[in-house]
PDB file of N, CA and C in Angstrom:
ATOM      1  N   MET A   1      73.386  20.547   1.139  1.00  0.00           N
ATOM      2  CA  MET A   1      72.383  20.959   0.198  1.00  0.00           C
ATOM      3  C   MET A   1      71.204  21.570   0.972  1.00  0.00           C
ATOM      4  N   TYR A   2      70.687  22.668   0.477  1.00  0.00           N
ATOM      5  CA  TYR A   2      69.589  23.394   1.138  1.00  0.00           C
ATOM      6  C   TYR A   2      68.246  22.767   0.789  1.00  0.00           C
ATOM      7  N   ASN A   3      67.448  22.539   1.810  1.00  0.00           N
ATOM      8  CA  ASN A   3      66.061  22.097   1.640  1.00  0.00           C
ATOM      9  C   ASN A   3      65.154  23.196   2.161  1.00  0.00           C
ATOM     10  N   ASP A   4      64.141  23.548   1.397  1.00  0.00           N
ATOM     11  CA  ASP A   4      63.198  24.575   1.828  1.00  0.00           C
ATOM     12  C   ASP A   4      62.301  23.993   2.912  1.00  0.00           C
ATOM     13  N   ASN A   5      62.567  24.401   4.155  1.00  0.00           N
ATOM     14  CA  ASN A   5      61.785  23.930   5.300  1.00  0.00           C
ATOM     15  C   ASN A   5      60.898  25.026   5.865  1.00  0.00           C
ATOM     16  N   ASP A   6      60.616  26.026   5.018  1.00  0.00           N
ATOM     17  CA  ASP A   6      59.758  27.130   5.436  1.00  0.00           C
ATOM     18  C   ASP A   6      60.336  27.859   6.649  1.00  0.00           C
ATOM     19  N   ILE A   7      61.638  28.128   6.607  1.00  0.00           N
ATOM     20  CA  ILE A   7      62.312  28.861   7.676  1.00  0.00           C
ATOM     21  C   ILE A   7      62.923  30.132   7.116  1.00  0.00           C
ATOM     22  N   ILE A   8      63.198  31.068   8.002  1.00  0.00           N
ATOM     23  CA  ILE A   8      63.763  32.353   7.577  1.00  0.00           C
ATOM     24  C   ILE A   8      65.259  32.236   7.299  1.00  0.00           C
ATOM     25  N   PHE A   9      65.987  31.593   8.203  1.00  0.00           N
ATOM     26  CA  PHE A   9      67.426  31.452   8.053  1.00  0.00           C
ATOM     27  C   PHE A   9      67.769  29.991   7.784  1.00  0.00           C
ATOM     28  N   ALA A  10      68.695  29.768   6.868  1.00  0.00           N
ATOM     29  CA  ALA A  10      69.083  28.401   6.528  1.00  0.00           C
ATOM     30  C   ALA A  10      69.932  27.775   7.638  1.00  0.00           C
ATOM     31  N   THR A  11      70.565  28.571   8.456  1.00  0.00           N
ATOM     32  CA  THR A  11      71.357  28.071   9.575  1.00  0.00           C
ATOM     33  C   THR A  11      70.878  28.736  10.850  1.00  0.00           C
ATOM     34  N   TYR A  12      71.200  28.141  11.971  1.00  0.00           N
ATOM     35  CA  TYR A  12      70.792  28.674  13.270  1.00  0.00           C
ATOM     36  C   TYR A  12      71.565  29.954  13.576  1.00  0.00           C
ATOM     37  N   ILE A  13      70.850  30.983  13.982  1.00  0.00           N
ATOM     38  CA  ILE A  13      71.461  32.235  14.431  1.00  0.00           C
ATOM     39  C   ILE A  13      71.017  32.431  15.865  1.00  0.00           C
ATOM     40  N   GLY A  14      71.950  32.308  16.796  1.00  0.00           N
ATOM     41  CA  GLY A  14      71.620  32.481  18.206  1.00  0.00           C
ATOM     42  C   GLY A  14      71.246  33.915  18.522  1.00  0.00           C
ATOM     43  N   SER A  15      70.582  34.106  19.648  1.00  0.00           N
ATOM     44  CA  SER A  15      70.124  35.449  20.012  1.00  0.00           C
ATOM     45  C   SER A  15      71.289  36.411  20.200  1.00  0.00           C
ATOM     46  N   SER A  16      72.410  35.943  20.722  1.00  0.00           N
ATOM     47  CA  SER A  16      73.551  36.850  20.908  1.00  0.00           C
ATOM     48  C   SER A  16      74.108  37.300  19.557  1.00  0.00           C
ATOM     49  N   ASN A  17      74.167  36.371  18.574  1.00  0.00           N
ATOM     50  CA  ASN A  17      74.638  36.760  17.238  1.00  0.00           C
ATOM     51  C   ASN A  17      73.652  37.704  16.557  1.00  0.00           C
ATOM     52  N   LEU A  18      72.365  37.422  16.709  1.00  0.00           N
ATOM     53  CA  LEU A  18      71.345  38.282  16.120  1.00  0.00           C
ATOM     54  C   LEU A  18      71.430  39.695  16.708  1.00  0.00           C
ATOM     55  N   ASN A  19      71.556  39.787  18.028  1.00  0.00           N
ATOM     56  CA  ASN A  19      71.678  41.101  18.667  1.00  0.00           C
ATOM     57  C   ASN A  19      72.934  41.829  18.219  1.00  0.00           C
ATOM     58  N   ARG A  20      74.041  41.101  18.085  1.00  0.00           N
ATOM     59  CA  ARG A  20      75.290  41.723  17.640  1.00  0.00           C
ATOM     60  C   ARG A  20      75.152  42.264  16.218  1.00  0.00           C
ATOM     61  N   MET A  21      74.545  41.483  15.323  1.00  0.00           N
ATOM     62  CA  MET A  21      74.341  41.936  13.949  1.00  0.00           C
ATOM     63  C   MET A  21      73.395  43.141  13.903  1.00  0.00           C
ATOM     64  N   PHE A  22      72.363  43.092  14.735  1.00  0.00           N
ATOM     65  CA  PHE A  22      71.396  44.187  14.792  1.00  0.00           C
ATOM     66  C   PHE A  22      72.083  45.475  15.249  1.00  0.00           C
ATOM     67  N   LYS A  23      72.883  45.394  16.310  1.00  0.00           N
ATOM     68  CA  LYS A  23      73.588  46.580  16.819  1.00  0.00           C
ATOM     69  C   LYS A  23      74.561  47.134  15.788  1.00  0.00           C
ATOM     70  N   LYS A  24      75.268  46.261  15.079  1.00  0.00           N
ATOM     71  CA  LYS A  24      76.179  46.722  14.022  1.00  0.00           C
ATOM     72  C   LYS A  24      75.401  47.448  12.926  1.00  0.00           C
ATOM     73  N   SER A  25      74.233  46.909  12.585  1.00  0.00           N
ATOM     74  CA  SER A  25      73.403  47.535  11.550  1.00  0.00           C
ATOM     75  C   SER A  25      72.925  48.917  11.983  1.00  0.00           C
ATOM     76  N   LEU A  26      72.565  49.054  13.256  1.00  0.00           N
ATOM     77  CA  LEU A  26      72.132  50.353  13.771  1.00  0.00           C
ATOM     78  C   LEU A  26      73.258  51.370  13.702  1.00  0.00           C
ATOM     79  N   VAL A  27      74.455  50.963  14.092  1.00  0.00           N
ATOM     80  CA  VAL A  27      75.614  51.866  14.042  1.00  0.00           C
ATOM     81  C   VAL A  27      75.883  52.276  12.596  1.00  0.00           C
ATOM     82  N   LYS A  28      75.887  51.307  11.699  1.00  0.00           N
ATOM     83  CA  LYS A  28      76.146  51.587  10.286  1.00  0.00           C
ATOM     84  C   LYS A  28      75.107  52.543   9.702  1.00  0.00           C
ATOM     85  N   ALA A  29      73.852  52.397  10.118  1.00  0.00           N
ATOM     86  CA  ALA A  29      72.767  53.248   9.620  1.00  0.00           C
ATOM     87  C   ALA A  29      72.651  54.557  10.410  1.00  0.00           C
ATOM     88  N   GLU A  30      73.523  54.713  11.407  1.00  0.00           N
ATOM     89  CA  GLU A  30      73.528  55.906  12.262  1.00  0.00           C
ATOM     90  C   GLU A  30      72.181  56.104  12.954  1.00  0.00           C
ATOM     91  N   ILE A  31      71.654  54.994  13.476  1.00  0.00           N
ATOM     92  CA  ILE A  31      70.400  55.011  14.214  1.00  0.00           C
ATOM     93  C   ILE A  31      70.719  54.852  15.689  1.00  0.00           C
ATOM     94  N   GLU A  32      70.018  55.603  16.508  1.00  0.00           N
ATOM     95  CA  GLU A  32      70.219  55.532  17.955  1.00  0.00           C
ATOM     96  C   GLU A  32      69.996  54.102  18.445  1.00  0.00           C
ATOM     97  N   PRO A  33      70.870  53.613  19.328  1.00  0.00           N
ATOM     98  CA  PRO A  33      70.764  52.223  19.783  1.00  0.00           C
ATOM     99  C   PRO A  33      69.434  51.916  20.474  1.00  0.00           C
ATOM    100  N   ILE A  34      68.858  50.775  20.102  1.00  0.00           N
ATOM    101  CA  ILE A  34      67.666  50.231  20.752  1.00  0.00           C
ATOM    102  C   ILE A  34      67.881  48.725  20.880  1.00  0.00           C
ATOM    103  N   ASN A  35      67.085  48.081  21.701  1.00  0.00           N
ATOM    104  CA  ASN A  35      67.202  46.622  21.735  1.00  0.00           C
ATOM    105  C   ASN A  35      66.281  46.023  20.678  1.00  0.00           C
ATOM    106  N   PHE A  36      66.570  44.806  20.296  1.00  0.00           N
ATOM    107  CA  PHE A  36      65.856  44.149  19.205  1.00  0.00           C
ATOM    108  C   PHE A  36      64.361  44.042  19.484  1.00  0.00           C
ATOM    109  N   HIS A  37      63.998  43.780  20.729  1.00  0.00           N
ATOM    110  CA  HIS A  37      62.585  43.618  21.082  1.00  0.00           C
ATOM    111  C   HIS A  37      61.796  44.919  20.884  1.00  0.00           C
ATOM    112  N   SER A  38      62.478  46.052  20.928  1.00  0.00           N
ATOM    113  CA  SER A  38      61.803  47.332  20.703  1.00  0.00           C
ATOM    114  C   SER A  38      61.141  47.404  19.333  1.00  0.00           C
ATOM    115  N   LEU A  39      61.657  46.634  18.379  1.00  0.00           N
ATOM    116  CA  LEU A  39      61.048  46.617  17.049  1.00  0.00           C
ATOM    117  C   LEU A  39      59.607  46.127  17.111  1.00  0.00           C
ATOM    118  N   ARG A  40      59.346  45.189  18.000  1.00  0.00           N
ATOM    119  CA  ARG A  40      57.987  44.669  18.153  1.00  0.00           C
ATOM    120  C   ARG A  40      57.056  45.760  18.676  1.00  0.00           C
ATOM    121  N   HIS A  41      57.530  46.525  19.653  1.00  0.00           N
ATOM    122  CA  HIS A  41      56.738  47.627  20.200  1.00  0.00           C
ATOM    123  C   HIS A  41      56.469  48.673  19.119  1.00  0.00           C
ATOM    124  N   THR A  42      57.506  48.999  18.366  1.00  0.00           N
ATOM    125  CA  THR A  42      57.363  49.997  17.301  1.00  0.00           C
ATOM    126  C   THR A  42      56.376  49.520  16.249  1.00  0.00           C
ATOM    127  N   TYR A  43      56.501  48.263  15.850  1.00  0.00           N
ATOM    128  CA  TYR A  43      55.605  47.689  14.848  1.00  0.00           C
ATOM    129  C   TYR A  43      54.151  47.765  15.309  1.00  0.00           C
ATOM    130  N   ALA A  44      53.900  47.335  16.541  1.00  0.00           N
ATOM    131  CA  ALA A  44      52.544  47.364  17.079  1.00  0.00           C
ATOM    132  C   ALA A  44      52.024  48.794  17.163  1.00  0.00           C
ATOM    133  N   THR A  45      52.853  49.701  17.632  1.00  0.00           N
ATOM    134  CA  THR A  45      52.445  51.102  17.753  1.00  0.00           C
ATOM    135  C   THR A  45      52.091  51.690  16.394  1.00  0.00           C
ATOM    136  N   ARG A  46      52.914  51.429  15.387  1.00  0.00           N
ATOM    137  CA  ARG A  46      52.647  51.962  14.045  1.00  0.00           C
ATOM    138  C   ARG A  46      51.358  51.386  13.458  1.00  0.00           C
ATOM    139  N   LEU A  47      51.078  50.122  13.746  1.00  0.00           N
ATOM    140  CA  LEU A  47      49.817  49.547  13.274  1.00  0.00           C
ATOM    141  C   LEU A  47      48.636  50.309  13.858  1.00  0.00           C
ATOM    142  N   PHE A  48      48.676  50.561  15.176  1.00  0.00           N
ATOM    143  CA  PHE A  48      47.563  51.242  15.825  1.00  0.00           C
ATOM    144  C   PHE A  48      47.482  52.708  15.420  1.00  0.00           C
ATOM    145  N   GLU A  49      48.621  53.333  15.148  1.00  0.00           N
ATOM    146  CA  GLU A  49      48.598  54.714  14.656  1.00  0.00           C
ATOM    147  C   GLU A  49      47.854  54.811  13.335  1.00  0.00           C
ATOM    148  N   ASN A  50      47.884  53.744  12.578  1.00  0.00           N
ATOM    149  CA  ASN A  50      47.247  53.730  11.256  1.00  0.00           C
ATOM    150  C   ASN A  50      45.897  53.022  11.267  1.00  0.00           C
ATOM    151  N   ASP A  51      45.274  53.019  12.454  1.00  0.00           N
ATOM    152  CA  ASP A  51      43.909  52.517  12.629  1.00  0.00           C
ATOM    153  C   ASP A  51      43.710  51.052  12.252  1.00  0.00           C
ATOM    154  N   ILE A  52      44.754  50.243  12.417  1.00  0.00           N
ATOM    155  CA  ILE A  52      44.600  48.802  12.236  1.00  0.00           C
ATOM    156  C   ILE A  52      43.865  48.264  13.457  1.00  0.00           C
ATOM    157  N   GLN A  53      42.880  47.422  13.251  1.00  0.00           N
ATOM    158  CA  GLN A  53      42.086  46.877  14.343  1.00  0.00           C
ATOM    159  C   GLN A  53      42.961  46.066  15.300  1.00  0.00           C
ATOM    160  N   PRO A  54      42.679  46.142  16.610  1.00  0.00           N
ATOM    161  CA  PRO A  54      43.496  45.429  17.602  1.00  0.00           C
ATOM    162  C   PRO A  54      43.656  43.937  17.330  1.00  0.00           C
ATOM    163  N   LYS A  55      42.603  43.242  16.893  1.00  0.00           N
ATOM    164  CA  LYS A  55      42.707  41.811  16.617  1.00  0.00           C
ATOM    165  C   LYS A  55      43.695  41.549  15.489  1.00  0.00           C
ATOM    166  N   THR A  56      43.638  42.358  14.450  1.00  0.00           N
ATOM    167  CA  THR A  56      44.558  42.202  13.325  1.00  0.00           C
ATOM    168  C   THR A  56      45.990  42.464  13.772  1.00  0.00           C
ATOM    169  N   GLY A  57      46.189  43.550  14.514  1.00  0.00           N
ATOM    170  CA  GLY A  57      47.524  43.867  15.018  1.00  0.00           C
ATOM    171  C   GLY A  57      48.060  42.765  15.909  1.00  0.00           C
ATOM    172  N   SER A  58      47.224  42.255  16.765  1.00  0.00           N
ATOM    173  CA  SER A  58      47.616  41.175  17.676  1.00  0.00           C
ATOM    174  C   SER A  58      48.034  39.934  16.890  1.00  0.00           C
ATOM    175  N   ASP A  59      47.276  39.602  15.866  1.00  0.00           N
ATOM    176  CA  ASP A  59      47.624  38.457  15.019  1.00  0.00           C
ATOM    177  C   ASP A  59      48.952  38.683  14.301  1.00  0.00           C
ATOM    178  N   LEU A  60      49.159  39.894  13.794  1.00  0.00           N
ATOM    179  CA  LEU A  60      50.377  40.179  13.032  1.00  0.00           C
ATOM    180  C   LEU A  60      51.641  40.121  13.887  1.00  0.00           C
ATOM    181  N   ILE A  61      51.531  40.450  15.168  1.00  0.00           N
ATOM    182  CA  ILE A  61      52.728  40.370  16.009  1.00  0.00           C
ATOM    183  C   ILE A  61      52.826  39.042  16.756  1.00  0.00           C
ATOM    184  N   GLY A  62      51.888  38.147  16.469  1.00  0.00           N
ATOM    185  CA  GLY A  62      51.969  36.808  17.023  1.00  0.00           C
ATOM    186  C   GLY A  62      51.412  36.644  18.421  1.00  0.00           C
ATOM    187  N   ARG A  63      50.474  37.485  18.806  1.00  0.00           N
ATOM    188  CA  ARG A  63      49.832  37.377  20.117  1.00  0.00           C
ATOM    189  C   ARG A  63      48.405  36.902  19.941  1.00  0.00           C
ATOM    190  N   GLU A  64      47.996  35.963  20.763  1.00  0.00           N
ATOM    191  CA  GLU A  64      46.612  35.493  20.709  1.00  0.00           C
ATOM    192  C   GLU A  64      45.681  36.402  21.500  1.00  0.00           C
ATOM    193  N   ASP A  65      46.190  36.977  22.565  1.00  0.00           N
ATOM    194  CA  ASP A  65      45.376  37.785  23.465  1.00  0.00           C
ATOM    195  C   ASP A  65      45.473  39.267  23.095  1.00  0.00           C
ATOM    196  N   ILE A  66      44.352  39.834  22.678  1.00  0.00           N
ATOM    197  CA  ILE A  66      44.320  41.246  22.295  1.00  0.00           C
ATOM    198  C   ILE A  66      44.708  42.139  23.469  1.00  0.00           C
ATOM    199  N   GLN A  67      44.280  41.804  24.664  1.00  0.00           N
ATOM    200  CA  GLN A  67      44.594  42.636  25.834  1.00  0.00           C
ATOM    201  C   GLN A  67      46.097  42.711  26.075  1.00  0.00           C
ATOM    202  N   THR A  68      46.795  41.604  25.873  1.00  0.00           N
ATOM    203  CA  THR A  68      48.251  41.616  26.015  1.00  0.00           C
ATOM    204  C   THR A  68      48.857  42.584  25.017  1.00  0.00           C
ATOM    205  N   THR A  69      48.377  42.522  23.795  1.00  0.00           N
ATOM    206  CA  THR A  69      48.871  43.430  22.765  1.00  0.00           C
ATOM    207  C   THR A  69      48.631  44.881  23.163  1.00  0.00           C
ATOM    208  N   LEU A  70      47.410  45.179  23.564  1.00  0.00           N
ATOM    209  CA  LEU A  70      47.072  46.554  23.920  1.00  0.00           C
ATOM    210  C   LEU A  70      47.838  47.037  25.148  1.00  0.00           C
ATOM    211  N   ASN A  71      48.017  46.154  26.127  1.00  0.00           N
ATOM    212  CA  ASN A  71      48.678  46.552  27.373  1.00  0.00           C
ATOM    213  C   ASN A  71      50.193  46.612  27.265  1.00  0.00           C
ATOM    214  N   LEU A  72      50.781  45.742  26.471  1.00  0.00           N
ATOM    215  CA  LEU A  72      52.240  45.657  26.448  1.00  0.00           C
ATOM    216  C   LEU A  72      52.909  46.254  25.223  1.00  0.00           C
ATOM    217  N   TYR A  73      52.249  46.183  24.081  1.00  0.00           N
ATOM    218  CA  TYR A  73      52.943  46.526  22.850  1.00  0.00           C
ATOM    219  C   TYR A  73      52.484  47.802  22.172  1.00  0.00           C
ATOM    220  N   THR A  74      51.629  48.541  22.818  1.00  0.00           N
ATOM    221  CA  THR A  74      51.251  49.832  22.239  1.00  0.00           C
ATOM    222  C   THR A  74      51.427  50.912  23.291  1.00  0.00           C
ATOM    223  N   LEU A  75      51.649  52.087  22.834  1.00  0.00           N
ATOM    224  CA  LEU A  75      51.776  53.251  23.700  1.00  0.00           C
ATOM    225  C   LEU A  75      50.563  54.131  23.465  1.00  0.00           C
ATOM    226  N   MET A  76      50.140  54.834  24.496  1.00  0.00           N
ATOM    227  CA  MET A  76      49.056  55.785  24.285  1.00  0.00           C
ATOM    228  C   MET A  76      49.666  56.969  23.552  1.00  0.00           C
ATOM    229  N   LEU A  77      49.259  57.155  22.344  1.00  0.00           N
ATOM    230  CA  LEU A  77      49.827  58.164  21.475  1.00  0.00           C
ATOM    231  C   LEU A  77      49.056  59.474  21.593  1.00  0.00           C
ATOM    232  N   ASP A  78      49.797  60.571  21.593  1.00  0.00           N
ATOM    233  CA  ASP A  78      49.150  61.880  21.652  1.00  0.00           C
ATOM    234  C   ASP A  78      48.174  62.066  20.498  1.00  0.00           C
ATOM    235  N   SER A  79      48.545  61.575  19.317  1.00  0.00           N
ATOM    236  CA  SER A  79      47.654  61.730  18.164  1.00  0.00           C
ATOM    237  C   SER A  79      46.343  60.977  18.388  1.00  0.00           C
ATOM    238  N   GLN A  80      46.410  59.813  19.021  1.00  0.00           N
ATOM    239  CA  GLN A  80      45.197  59.051  19.298  1.00  0.00           C
ATOM    240  C   GLN A  80      44.363  59.735  20.373  1.00  0.00           C
ATOM    241  N   LYS A  81      45.025  60.308  21.379  1.00  0.00           N
ATOM    242  CA  LYS A  81      44.312  61.050  22.421  1.00  0.00           C
ATOM    243  C   LYS A  81      43.598  62.245  21.802  1.00  0.00           C
ATOM    244  N   ASN A  82      44.292  62.958  20.935  1.00  0.00           N
ATOM    245  CA  ASN A  82      43.690  64.123  20.283  1.00  0.00           C
ATOM    246  C   ASN A  82      42.499  63.717  19.424  1.00  0.00           C
ATOM    247  N   LYS A  83      42.621  62.594  18.727  1.00  0.00           N
ATOM    248  CA  LYS A  83      41.519  62.112  17.893  1.00  0.00           C
ATOM    249  C   LYS A  83      40.301  61.784  18.762  1.00  0.00           C
ATOM    250  N   ALA A  84      40.533  61.152  19.915  1.00  0.00           N
ATOM    251  CA  ALA A  84      39.433  60.812  20.827  1.00  0.00           C
ATOM    252  C   ALA A  84      38.764  62.070  21.364  1.00  0.00           C
ATOM    253  N   VAL A  85      39.555  63.065  21.710  1.00  0.00           N
ATOM    254  CA  VAL A  85      38.999  64.325  22.213  1.00  0.00           C
ATOM    255  C   VAL A  85      38.179  65.011  21.121  1.00  0.00           C
ATOM    256  N   ASP A  86      38.669  64.966  19.884  1.00  0.00           N
ATOM    257  CA  ASP A  86      37.920  65.560  18.772  1.00  0.00           C
ATOM    258  C   ASP A  86      36.579  64.858  18.572  1.00  0.00           C
ATOM    259  N   VAL A  87      36.564  63.543  18.695  1.00  0.00           N
ATOM    260  CA  VAL A  87      35.317  62.789  18.565  1.00  0.00           C
ATOM    261  C   VAL A  87      34.350  63.191  19.672  1.00  0.00           C
ATOM    262  N   LEU A  88      34.860  63.248  20.897  1.00  0.00           N
ATOM    263  CA  LEU A  88      33.994  63.664  22.015  1.00  0.00           C
ATOM    264  C   LEU A  88      33.483  65.090  21.826  1.00  0.00           C
ATOM    265  N   ASP A  89      34.354  65.963  21.357  1.00  0.00           N
ATOM    266  CA  ASP A  89      33.959  67.344  21.118  1.00  0.00           C
ATOM    267  C   ASP A  89      32.836  67.401  20.084  1.00  0.00           C
ATOM    268  N   TYR A  90      32.946  66.590  19.041  1.00  0.00           N
ATOM    269  CA  TYR A  90      31.914  66.528  18.015  1.00  0.00           C
ATOM    270  C   TYR A  90      30.601  65.994  18.588  1.00  0.00           C
ATOM    271  N   ILE A  91      30.690  64.937  19.372  1.00  0.00           N
ATOM    272  CA  ILE A  91      29.488  64.327  19.948  1.00  0.00           C
ATOM    273  C   ILE A  91      28.740  65.316  20.837  1.00  0.00           C
ATOM    274  N   PHE A  92      29.478  66.070  21.645  1.00  0.00           N
ATOM    275  CA  PHE A  92      28.827  66.968  22.599  1.00  0.00           C
ATOM    276  C   PHE A  92      28.436  68.323  22.021  1.00  0.00           C
ATOM    277  N   THR A  93      28.775  68.572  20.749  1.00  0.00           N
ATOM    278  CA  THR A  93      28.343  69.832  20.129  1.00  0.00           C
ATOM    279  C   THR A  93      27.208  69.620  19.138  1.00  0.00           C
ATOM    280  N   ILE A  94      26.752  68.392  19.043  1.00  0.00           N
ATOM    281  CA  ILE A  94      25.649  68.101  18.118  1.00  0.00           C
ATOM    282  C   ILE A  94      24.362  68.687  18.682  1.00  0.00           C
TER     283      ILE A  94
END
């Protein structure tokens, strides 16, 4: 009998089974193979692309240290670089 213990899966799914299911899903969806942990990087990157504050993003991916989040889970995006250059351009043309 199932008891709600505030868990995602009712039974234990080992990392090897999870990775195998993930890879099968990628093949079925015709998505280029990636490892499961890459989803965390993608999630963090998409949050920052959409101007989510670093503390909020860090909390959402389960990191206490904002610097770890910024250093490990985000990429310097060309769009963010361009936005920074535009801000500087605006500041120096005032």
